[in-house]
Amino acid sequence: MSQTYNTKKELTSFVKFKAVKEKFQIKVQKSSKSRYEVVCLQENCPSCLYAAVIKGTKMFEIKTFNKVHTCSSLLIHPNHR
């Protein structure tokens, strides 16, 4: 079952909320009108998310979401928000 969001703003809000809630930092790898890709800020951590626009709409669908972090949430930068 895929997750969809009505707008890119809705998707990015979800991603940021999840990162703060789970105490991990993310880095936006690629962002455009048609795609959004984030990875964990810690090197070698496989956690990532890739979403793309559904053709003919402004809705975004998560295509790949690896929720598993191999890094420690204790490594959070003091400026984490």
C-alpha atoms as a PDB file:
ATOM      1  CA  MET A   1       0.000   0.000   0.000  1.00  0.00           C
ATOM      2  CA  SER A   2       1.557   3.283  -1.091  1.00  0.00           C
ATOM      3  CA  GLN A   3       1.281   6.596   0.697  1.00  0.00           C
ATOM      4  CA  THR A   4       0.102   9.631  -1.232  1.00  0.00           C
ATOM      5  CA  TYR A   5       0.070  13.318  -0.354  1.00  0.00           C
ATOM      6  CA  ASN A   6      -2.035  16.024  -1.965  1.00  0.00           C
ATOM      7  CA  THR A   7       0.918  18.386  -2.400  1.00  0.00           C
ATOM      8  CA  LYS A   8       4.688  18.423  -2.110  1.00  0.00           C
ATOM      9  CA  LYS A   9       4.366  20.712   0.905  1.00  0.00           C
ATOM     10  CA  GLU A  10       2.227  18.092   2.647  1.00  0.00           C
ATOM     11  CA  LEU A  11       4.849  15.428   1.875  1.00  0.00           C
ATOM     12  CA  THR A  12       7.770  17.522   3.122  1.00  0.00           C
ATOM     13  CA  SER A  13       5.881  18.350   6.328  1.00  0.00           C
ATOM     14  CA  PHE A  14       5.332  14.623   6.943  1.00  0.00           C
ATOM     15  CA  VAL A  15       9.025  13.837   6.348  1.00  0.00           C
ATOM     16  CA  LYS A  16      10.235  16.618   8.658  1.00  0.00           C
ATOM     17  CA  PHE A  17       7.768  15.661  11.396  1.00  0.00           C
ATOM     18  CA  LYS A  18       8.832  12.005  11.213  1.00  0.00           C
ATOM     19  CA  ALA A  19      12.526  12.928  11.424  1.00  0.00           C
ATOM     20  CA  VAL A  20      11.995  15.078  14.518  1.00  0.00           C
ATOM     21  CA  LYS A  21       9.668  12.548  16.154  1.00  0.00           C
ATOM     22  CA  GLU A  22      12.125   9.681  15.630  1.00  0.00           C
ATOM     23  CA  LYS A  23      15.154  11.852  16.474  1.00  0.00           C
ATOM     24  CA  PHE A  24      17.038  11.484  13.196  1.00  0.00           C
ATOM     25  CA  GLN A  25      18.427  14.111  10.875  1.00  0.00           C
ATOM     26  CA  ILE A  26      17.770  14.040   7.148  1.00  0.00           C
ATOM     27  CA  LYS A  27      19.342  15.620   4.116  1.00  0.00           C
ATOM     28  CA  VAL A  28      17.399  16.532   0.975  1.00  0.00           C
ATOM     29  CA  GLN A  29      19.221  14.762  -1.830  1.00  0.00           C
ATOM     30  CA  LYS A  30      17.025  15.940  -4.723  1.00  0.00           C
ATOM     31  CA  SER A  31      13.972  18.148  -4.890  1.00  0.00           C
ATOM     32  CA  SER A  32      12.013  19.382  -7.889  1.00  0.00           C
ATOM     33  CA  LYS A  33       8.421  19.863  -9.014  1.00  0.00           C
ATOM     34  CA  SER A  34       8.203  16.161  -9.817  1.00  0.00           C
ATOM     35  CA  ARG A  35      10.410  14.378  -7.251  1.00  0.00           C
ATOM     36  CA  TYR A  36      11.591  14.486  -3.665  1.00  0.00           C
ATOM     37  CA  GLU A  37      14.417  12.403  -2.232  1.00  0.00           C
ATOM     38  CA  VAL A  38      15.871  12.449   1.288  1.00  0.00           C
ATOM     39  CA  VAL A  39      18.552  10.396   3.010  1.00  0.00           C
ATOM     40  CA  CYS A  40      19.799  10.077   6.566  1.00  0.00           C
ATOM     41  CA  LEU A  41      22.472  12.650   7.398  1.00  0.00           C
ATOM     42  CA  GLN A  42      24.748   9.962   8.880  1.00  0.00           C
ATOM     43  CA  GLU A  43      27.083   8.328   6.360  1.00  0.00           C
ATOM     44  CA  ASN A  44      26.416   4.686   5.459  1.00  0.00           C
ATOM     45  CA  CYS A  45      22.927   4.697   6.968  1.00  0.00           C
ATOM     46  CA  PRO A  46      20.519   3.115   4.447  1.00  0.00           C
ATOM     47  CA  SER A  47      17.459   5.075   5.568  1.00  0.00           C
ATOM     48  CA  CYS A  48      15.975   6.988   2.644  1.00  0.00           C
ATOM     49  CA  LEU A  49      12.739   8.157   1.061  1.00  0.00           C
ATOM     50  CA  TYR A  50      11.935   8.724  -2.601  1.00  0.00           C
ATOM     51  CA  ALA A  51       8.655  10.199  -3.802  1.00  0.00           C
ATOM     52  CA  ALA A  52       7.441  11.267  -7.227  1.00  0.00           C
ATOM     53  CA  VAL A  53       4.496  13.216  -8.567  1.00  0.00           C
ATOM     54  CA  ILE A  54       1.569  11.216  -9.912  1.00  0.00           C
ATOM     55  CA  LYS A  55       1.308  12.170 -13.584  1.00  0.00           C
ATOM     56  CA  GLY A  56      -1.450  14.604 -14.386  1.00  0.00           C
ATOM     57  CA  THR A  57      -1.820  15.707 -10.744  1.00  0.00           C
ATOM     58  CA  LYS A  58       0.022  17.645  -8.072  1.00  0.00           C
ATOM     59  CA  MET A  59      -0.105  14.637  -5.746  1.00  0.00           C
ATOM     60  CA  PHE A  60       3.074  12.914  -4.582  1.00  0.00           C
ATOM     61  CA  GLU A  61       3.409   9.185  -3.998  1.00  0.00           C
ATOM     62  CA  ILE A  62       6.129   7.583  -1.902  1.00  0.00           C
ATOM     63  CA  LYS A  63       7.873   5.053  -4.145  1.00  0.00           C
ATOM     64  CA  THR A  64      10.659   3.941  -1.769  1.00  0.00           C
ATOM     65  CA  PHE A  65      10.820   4.319   1.994  1.00  0.00           C
ATOM     66  CA  ASN A  66      13.569   2.535   3.908  1.00  0.00           C
ATOM     67  CA  LYS A  67      12.703   3.227   7.553  1.00  0.00           C
ATOM     68  CA  VAL A  68      15.611   1.247   8.993  1.00  0.00           C
ATOM     69  CA  HIS A  69      18.361   3.349  10.532  1.00  0.00           C
ATOM     70  CA  THR A  70      21.730   1.729  11.221  1.00  0.00           C
ATOM     71  CA  CYS A  71      23.023   4.917  12.821  1.00  0.00           C
ATOM     72  CA  SER A  72      22.372   6.038  16.366  1.00  0.00           C
ATOM     73  CA  SER A  73      19.828   8.707  17.176  1.00  0.00           C
ATOM     74  CA  LEU A  74      22.318   9.782  19.869  1.00  0.00           C
ATOM     75  CA  LEU A  75      24.439  11.342  17.111  1.00  0.00           C
ATOM     76  CA  ILE A  76      21.932  14.126  16.514  1.00  0.00           C
ATOM     77  CA  HIS A  77      23.440  17.522  15.870  1.00  0.00           C
ATOM     78  CA  PRO A  78      22.603  20.122  18.553  1.00  0.00           C
ATOM     79  CA  ASN A  79      20.815  22.257  15.918  1.00  0.00           C
ATOM     80  CA  HIS A  80      18.347  19.477  15.068  1.00  0.00           C
ATOM     81  CA  ARG A  81      14.843  20.800  14.460  1.00  0.00           C
END
